[in-house]
Amino acid sequence: MFETLPNPMNKIKILDRYIIKKFLGTFFFALGLIILIAIVFDISEKIDAAISNISKLYTADDLPWIIGYSGGKDSTTVLQLVWHAVASIPSEKRTKKIHVISTDTLVENPVVAKWVELSLTKINLASISG
């Protein structure tokens, strides 16, 4: 009464399946690499734009900047962007004071607190020598 349809996979030979798997594996690997490269270039362009904007803001007035630093990913990113932006400005135009502050609330992980202390010391030494 009912006719069963033939399974199309039965007609694909072992060699055909092997070739298809290898092709799709290579295809998706190459596609992933292309997407990764596009993301890296996009992020790089955004970082360059942020550094350029920070440099313009730095030279726009003489008001000092205060940067809060906790050692986390957000404040570290902000501090590094400002650092690179100021480094890109000629030394004779680097007149604005920048204060990096950190507050120990006594609830931080001791490892993080030590990291913040050490990184602030290194930042201070680099800012004096550079």
N, C-alpha and C. Protein backbone atom coordinates (compact mmCIF):
# COMPACT_ATOMS: atom_id res chain seq x y z
N MET A 1 0.82 -1.18 0.00
CA MET A 1 0.00 0.00 0.00
C MET A 1 0.88 1.26 0.00
N PHE A 2 1.84 1.35 0.94
CA PHE A 2 2.76 2.49 0.96
C PHE A 2 4.09 2.06 0.39
N GLU A 3 4.65 2.93 -0.42
CA GLU A 3 5.95 2.65 -0.99
C GLU A 3 7.00 3.41 -0.21
N THR A 4 8.05 2.76 0.17
CA THR A 4 9.13 3.47 0.88
C THR A 4 10.06 4.11 -0.14
N LEU A 5 10.44 5.33 0.18
CA LEU A 5 11.35 6.04 -0.70
C LEU A 5 12.77 5.55 -0.45
N PRO A 6 13.56 5.47 -1.49
CA PRO A 6 14.94 5.00 -1.28
C PRO A 6 15.74 6.05 -0.52
N ASN A 7 16.57 5.58 0.36
CA ASN A 7 17.44 6.47 1.15
C ASN A 7 18.57 6.95 0.25
N PRO A 8 18.69 8.31 0.05
CA PRO A 8 19.74 8.80 -0.85
C PRO A 8 21.14 8.51 -0.32
N MET A 9 21.30 8.31 1.00
CA MET A 9 22.62 8.04 1.56
C MET A 9 23.11 6.65 1.16
N ASN A 10 22.19 5.76 0.81
CA ASN A 10 22.61 4.42 0.39
C ASN A 10 23.35 4.47 -0.93
N LYS A 11 23.08 5.49 -1.72
CA LYS A 11 23.71 5.59 -3.04
C LYS A 11 25.08 6.26 -2.96
N ILE A 12 25.37 6.93 -1.84
CA ILE A 12 26.67 7.57 -1.70
C ILE A 12 27.67 6.52 -1.26
N LYS A 13 28.70 6.41 -1.99
CA LYS A 13 29.71 5.39 -1.69
C LYS A 13 30.63 5.87 -0.57
N ILE A 14 31.36 4.98 -0.02
CA ILE A 14 32.27 5.27 1.09
C ILE A 14 33.27 6.34 0.68
N LEU A 15 33.81 6.26 -0.49
CA LEU A 15 34.78 7.24 -0.97
C LEU A 15 34.14 8.63 -1.08
N ASP A 16 32.89 8.66 -1.56
CA ASP A 16 32.19 9.94 -1.68
C ASP A 16 31.99 10.58 -0.30
N ARG A 17 31.61 9.78 0.67
CA ARG A 17 31.43 10.31 2.03
C ARG A 17 32.74 10.84 2.60
N TYR A 18 33.82 10.12 2.34
CA TYR A 18 35.14 10.55 2.80
C TYR A 18 35.52 11.89 2.18
N ILE A 19 35.31 12.03 0.87
CA ILE A 19 35.64 13.28 0.18
C ILE A 19 34.78 14.43 0.69
N ILE A 20 33.51 14.19 0.90
CA ILE A 20 32.61 15.23 1.40
C ILE A 20 33.04 15.66 2.80
N LYS A 21 33.37 14.72 3.67
CA LYS A 21 33.81 15.07 5.03
C LYS A 21 35.09 15.90 5.00
N LYS A 22 36.04 15.48 4.18
CA LYS A 22 37.31 16.23 4.09
C LYS A 22 37.07 17.63 3.53
N PHE A 23 36.24 17.73 2.50
CA PHE A 23 35.96 19.03 1.90
C PHE A 23 35.27 19.94 2.91
N LEU A 24 34.23 19.43 3.58
CA LEU A 24 33.50 20.27 4.53
C LEU A 24 34.39 20.66 5.71
N GLY A 25 35.24 19.75 6.16
CA GLY A 25 36.16 20.08 7.25
C GLY A 25 37.10 21.20 6.87
N THR A 26 37.68 21.09 5.67
CA THR A 26 38.58 22.14 5.19
C THR A 26 37.83 23.45 4.95
N PHE A 27 36.64 23.35 4.39
CA PHE A 27 35.83 24.54 4.12
C PHE A 27 35.52 25.30 5.41
N PHE A 28 35.03 24.59 6.42
CA PHE A 28 34.66 25.27 7.66
C PHE A 28 35.89 25.78 8.42
N PHE A 29 37.01 25.08 8.31
CA PHE A 29 38.24 25.57 8.92
C PHE A 29 38.67 26.88 8.26
N ALA A 30 38.67 26.92 6.92
CA ALA A 30 39.04 28.13 6.20
C ALA A 30 38.06 29.27 6.50
N LEU A 31 36.79 28.95 6.56
CA LEU A 31 35.77 29.96 6.88
C LEU A 31 36.00 30.53 8.29
N GLY A 32 36.33 29.67 9.23
CA GLY A 32 36.63 30.13 10.59
C GLY A 32 37.84 31.04 10.63
N LEU A 33 38.89 30.69 9.88
CA LEU A 33 40.08 31.54 9.82
C LEU A 33 39.77 32.91 9.22
N ILE A 34 38.99 32.93 8.17
CA ILE A 34 38.62 34.20 7.54
C ILE A 34 37.83 35.07 8.51
N ILE A 35 36.90 34.47 9.22
CA ILE A 35 36.11 35.22 10.21
C ILE A 35 37.01 35.73 11.32
N LEU A 36 37.93 34.91 11.79
CA LEU A 36 38.85 35.32 12.85
C LEU A 36 39.72 36.49 12.40
N ILE A 37 40.24 36.43 11.19
CA ILE A 37 41.06 37.52 10.66
C ILE A 37 40.24 38.80 10.56
N ALA A 38 39.00 38.69 10.10
CA ALA A 38 38.13 39.87 9.98
C ALA A 38 37.86 40.49 11.36
N ILE A 39 37.67 39.66 12.36
CA ILE A 39 37.43 40.16 13.72
C ILE A 39 38.66 40.87 14.25
N VAL A 40 39.84 40.29 14.03
CA VAL A 40 41.08 40.89 14.51
C VAL A 40 41.29 42.26 13.87
N PHE A 41 41.08 42.35 12.55
CA PHE A 41 41.25 43.64 11.88
C PHE A 41 40.22 44.65 12.37
N ASP A 42 39.00 44.21 12.61
CA ASP A 42 37.95 45.11 13.09
C ASP A 42 38.30 45.64 14.47
N ILE A 43 38.75 44.77 15.35
CA ILE A 43 39.13 45.19 16.70
C ILE A 43 40.33 46.13 16.64
N SER A 44 41.30 45.81 15.78
CA SER A 44 42.48 46.66 15.64
C SER A 44 42.09 48.07 15.18
N GLU A 45 41.18 48.16 14.24
CA GLU A 45 40.72 49.48 13.77
C GLU A 45 40.01 50.24 14.88
N LYS A 46 39.22 49.54 15.67
CA LYS A 46 38.51 50.19 16.77
C LYS A 46 39.48 50.67 17.85
N ILE A 47 40.51 49.90 18.12
CA ILE A 47 41.52 50.31 19.10
C ILE A 47 42.25 51.55 18.60
N ASP A 48 42.63 51.55 17.33
CA ASP A 48 43.31 52.71 16.76
C ASP A 48 42.42 53.95 16.82
N ALA A 49 41.13 53.79 16.54
CA ALA A 49 40.20 54.93 16.61
C ALA A 49 40.07 55.43 18.05
N ALA A 50 40.02 54.52 19.01
CA ALA A 50 39.91 54.92 20.42
C ALA A 50 41.16 55.67 20.86
N ILE A 51 42.33 55.19 20.47
CA ILE A 51 43.58 55.86 20.83
C ILE A 51 43.64 57.25 20.20
N SER A 52 43.19 57.37 18.96
CA SER A 52 43.17 58.67 18.30
C SER A 52 42.22 59.64 19.02
N ASN A 53 41.04 59.15 19.39
CA ASN A 53 40.08 60.01 20.11
C ASN A 53 40.62 60.44 21.47
N ILE A 54 41.26 59.52 22.18
CA ILE A 54 41.83 59.86 23.49
C ILE A 54 42.94 60.89 23.33
N SER A 55 43.77 60.75 22.29
CA SER A 55 44.84 61.72 22.04
C SER A 55 44.27 63.11 21.80
N LYS A 56 43.20 63.18 21.02
CA LYS A 56 42.55 64.48 20.77
C LYS A 56 41.98 65.07 22.05
N LEU A 57 41.35 64.23 22.86
CA LEU A 57 40.79 64.71 24.13
C LEU A 57 41.90 65.19 25.07
N TYR A 58 43.03 64.50 25.06
CA TYR A 58 44.14 64.86 25.93
C TYR A 58 44.65 66.27 25.61
N THR A 59 44.77 66.57 24.33
CA THR A 59 45.32 67.87 23.93
C THR A 59 44.26 68.97 23.87
N ALA A 60 43.01 68.65 24.12
CA ALA A 60 41.92 69.63 24.00
C ALA A 60 41.91 70.66 25.12
N ASP A 61 42.40 70.30 26.31
CA ASP A 61 42.38 71.24 27.44
C ASP A 61 43.52 70.90 28.39
N ASP A 62 43.60 71.65 29.49
CA ASP A 62 44.67 71.43 30.47
C ASP A 62 44.17 70.81 31.77
N LEU A 63 42.93 70.37 31.80
CA LEU A 63 42.38 69.79 33.02
C LEU A 63 43.03 68.43 33.30
N PRO A 64 43.39 68.17 34.54
CA PRO A 64 44.02 66.88 34.85
C PRO A 64 43.01 65.74 34.71
N TRP A 65 43.51 64.58 34.41
CA TRP A 65 42.68 63.38 34.32
C TRP A 65 42.91 62.52 35.55
N ILE A 66 41.83 61.88 35.99
CA ILE A 66 41.91 60.92 37.09
C ILE A 66 41.33 59.61 36.57
N ILE A 67 42.15 58.56 36.62
CA ILE A 67 41.72 57.25 36.12
C ILE A 67 41.65 56.30 37.30
N GLY A 68 40.49 55.72 37.52
CA GLY A 68 40.32 54.71 38.56
C GLY A 68 40.81 53.37 38.07
N TYR A 69 41.63 52.71 38.87
CA TYR A 69 42.24 51.44 38.46
C TYR A 69 42.01 50.40 39.54
N SER A 70 41.39 49.29 39.14
CA SER A 70 41.14 48.21 40.09
C SER A 70 41.94 46.96 39.77
N GLY A 71 42.58 46.92 38.60
CA GLY A 71 43.31 45.73 38.19
C GLY A 71 42.45 44.76 37.39
N GLY A 72 41.16 45.09 37.25
CA GLY A 72 40.26 44.25 36.46
C GLY A 72 40.41 44.53 34.97
N LYS A 73 39.67 43.79 34.18
CA LYS A 73 39.80 43.92 32.73
C LYS A 73 39.36 45.27 32.21
N ASP A 74 38.32 45.85 32.78
CA ASP A 74 37.81 47.13 32.28
C ASP A 74 38.77 48.28 32.57
N SER A 75 39.16 48.41 33.84
CA SER A 75 40.05 49.52 34.18
C SER A 75 41.44 49.33 33.58
N THR A 76 41.87 48.10 33.41
CA THR A 76 43.16 47.85 32.77
C THR A 76 43.10 48.25 31.30
N THR A 77 41.99 47.96 30.64
CA THR A 77 41.83 48.35 29.23
C THR A 77 41.84 49.86 29.08
N VAL A 78 41.10 50.55 29.94
CA VAL A 78 41.07 52.02 29.88
C VAL A 78 42.47 52.59 30.11
N LEU A 79 43.15 52.09 31.11
CA LEU A 79 44.48 52.59 31.42
C LEU A 79 45.46 52.33 30.27
N GLN A 80 45.40 51.16 29.66
CA GLN A 80 46.29 50.87 28.54
C GLN A 80 45.99 51.73 27.33
N LEU A 81 44.69 51.97 27.06
CA LEU A 81 44.34 52.85 25.94
C LEU A 81 44.86 54.27 26.17
N VAL A 82 44.69 54.77 27.39
CA VAL A 82 45.19 56.11 27.71
C VAL A 82 46.72 56.12 27.60
N TRP A 83 47.37 55.09 28.11
CA TRP A 83 48.84 55.01 28.07
C TRP A 83 49.34 55.08 26.62
N HIS A 84 48.74 54.27 25.75
CA HIS A 84 49.16 54.26 24.35
C HIS A 84 48.83 55.58 23.65
N ALA A 85 47.70 56.18 24.00
CA ALA A 85 47.33 57.46 23.40
C ALA A 85 48.31 58.55 23.79
N VAL A 86 48.67 58.61 25.06
CA VAL A 86 49.62 59.63 25.51
C VAL A 86 51.00 59.36 24.92
N ALA A 87 51.37 58.10 24.79
CA ALA A 87 52.67 57.77 24.21
C ALA A 87 52.75 58.20 22.74
N SER A 88 51.60 58.27 22.06
CA SER A 88 51.61 58.66 20.65
C SER A 88 51.68 60.18 20.46
N ILE A 89 51.55 60.93 21.55
CA ILE A 89 51.61 62.39 21.48
C ILE A 89 53.07 62.82 21.64
N PRO A 90 53.53 63.80 20.87
CA PRO A 90 54.91 64.27 21.04
C PRO A 90 55.16 64.73 22.48
N SER A 91 56.36 64.47 22.97
CA SER A 91 56.66 64.73 24.39
C SER A 91 56.46 66.18 24.79
N GLU A 92 56.69 67.13 23.88
CA GLU A 92 56.51 68.54 24.24
C GLU A 92 55.04 68.90 24.44
N LYS A 93 54.12 68.07 23.95
CA LYS A 93 52.68 68.33 24.13
C LYS A 93 52.09 67.54 25.29
N ARG A 94 52.91 66.75 25.96
CA ARG A 94 52.43 65.96 27.11
C ARG A 94 52.53 66.79 28.38
N THR A 95 51.60 67.68 28.55
CA THR A 95 51.65 68.58 29.71
C THR A 95 50.57 68.29 30.73
N LYS A 96 49.57 67.56 30.35
CA LYS A 96 48.45 67.28 31.26
C LYS A 96 48.85 66.24 32.29
N LYS A 97 48.46 66.49 33.53
CA LYS A 97 48.71 65.52 34.60
C LYS A 97 47.64 64.44 34.53
N ILE A 98 48.09 63.21 34.71
CA ILE A 98 47.18 62.07 34.77
C ILE A 98 47.43 61.35 36.09
N HIS A 99 46.38 61.24 36.88
CA HIS A 99 46.47 60.56 38.17
C HIS A 99 45.76 59.21 38.06
N VAL A 100 46.46 58.16 38.43
CA VAL A 100 45.87 56.82 38.46
C VAL A 100 45.66 56.47 39.92
N ILE A 101 44.41 56.24 40.27
CA ILE A 101 44.10 55.96 41.67
C ILE A 101 43.50 54.56 41.82
N SER A 102 43.71 54.02 42.98
CA SER A 102 43.15 52.72 43.32
C SER A 102 42.78 52.74 44.79
N THR A 103 41.67 52.14 45.12
CA THR A 103 41.22 52.11 46.50
C THR A 103 41.11 50.66 46.95
N ASP A 104 41.75 50.35 48.05
CA ASP A 104 41.66 49.01 48.62
C ASP A 104 40.48 48.99 49.58
N THR A 105 39.42 48.29 49.20
CA THR A 105 38.22 48.21 50.04
C THR A 105 38.31 47.10 51.08
N LEU A 106 39.44 46.40 51.09
CA LEU A 106 39.73 45.31 52.02
C LEU A 106 38.84 44.09 51.81
N VAL A 107 38.15 44.02 50.66
CA VAL A 107 37.39 42.81 50.32
C VAL A 107 37.94 42.15 49.07
N GLU A 108 39.03 42.72 48.52
CA GLU A 108 39.64 42.14 47.32
C GLU A 108 40.41 40.87 47.68
N ASN A 109 40.52 40.02 46.70
CA ASN A 109 41.34 38.84 46.83
C ASN A 109 42.78 39.32 47.04
N PRO A 110 43.51 38.75 48.01
CA PRO A 110 44.89 39.20 48.26
C PRO A 110 45.80 39.13 47.03
N VAL A 111 45.58 38.15 46.17
CA VAL A 111 46.39 38.04 44.96
C VAL A 111 46.13 39.23 44.04
N VAL A 112 44.85 39.61 43.90
CA VAL A 112 44.49 40.75 43.06
C VAL A 112 45.02 42.04 43.68
N ALA A 113 44.90 42.17 45.00
CA ALA A 113 45.39 43.37 45.67
C ALA A 113 46.90 43.53 45.47
N LYS A 114 47.64 42.43 45.55
CA LYS A 114 49.09 42.48 45.32
C LYS A 114 49.39 42.82 43.87
N TRP A 115 48.61 42.27 42.93
CA TRP A 115 48.78 42.58 41.51
C TRP A 115 48.58 44.06 41.25
N VAL A 116 47.53 44.63 41.84
CA VAL A 116 47.26 46.06 41.66
C VAL A 116 48.41 46.89 42.21
N GLU A 117 48.89 46.53 43.38
CA GLU A 117 50.00 47.26 44.00
C GLU A 117 51.26 47.21 43.12
N LEU A 118 51.59 46.01 42.64
CA LEU A 118 52.77 45.86 41.79
C LEU A 118 52.62 46.59 40.45
N SER A 119 51.44 46.48 39.84
CA SER A 119 51.26 47.13 38.54
C SER A 119 51.26 48.64 38.68
N LEU A 120 50.72 49.17 39.78
CA LEU A 120 50.77 50.63 39.98
C LEU A 120 52.20 51.10 40.19
N THR A 121 53.00 50.30 40.88
CA THR A 121 54.42 50.65 41.06
C THR A 121 55.13 50.67 39.72
N LYS A 122 54.87 49.66 38.88
CA LYS A 122 55.50 49.62 37.56
C LYS A 122 55.03 50.77 36.67
N ILE A 123 53.76 51.11 36.76
CA ILE A 123 53.22 52.23 35.98
C ILE A 123 53.89 53.51 36.41
N ASN A 124 54.02 53.70 37.70
CA ASN A 124 54.67 54.91 38.21
C ASN A 124 56.12 55.00 37.75
N LEU A 125 56.86 53.90 37.84
CA LEU A 125 58.26 53.91 37.40
C LEU A 125 58.38 54.17 35.90
N ALA A 126 57.51 53.56 35.12
CA ALA A 126 57.55 53.76 33.66
C ALA A 126 57.18 55.18 33.27
N SER A 127 56.26 55.77 34.02
CA SER A 127 55.85 57.14 33.69
C SER A 127 56.94 58.14 34.03
N ILE A 128 57.72 57.85 35.05
CA ILE A 128 58.83 58.75 35.43
C ILE A 128 59.98 58.63 34.44
N SER A 129 60.30 57.38 34.04
CA SER A 129 61.45 57.17 33.15
C SER A 129 61.11 57.48 31.69
N GLY A 130 59.82 57.39 31.33
CA GLY A 130 59.44 57.58 29.92
C GLY A 130 59.08 58.98 29.66
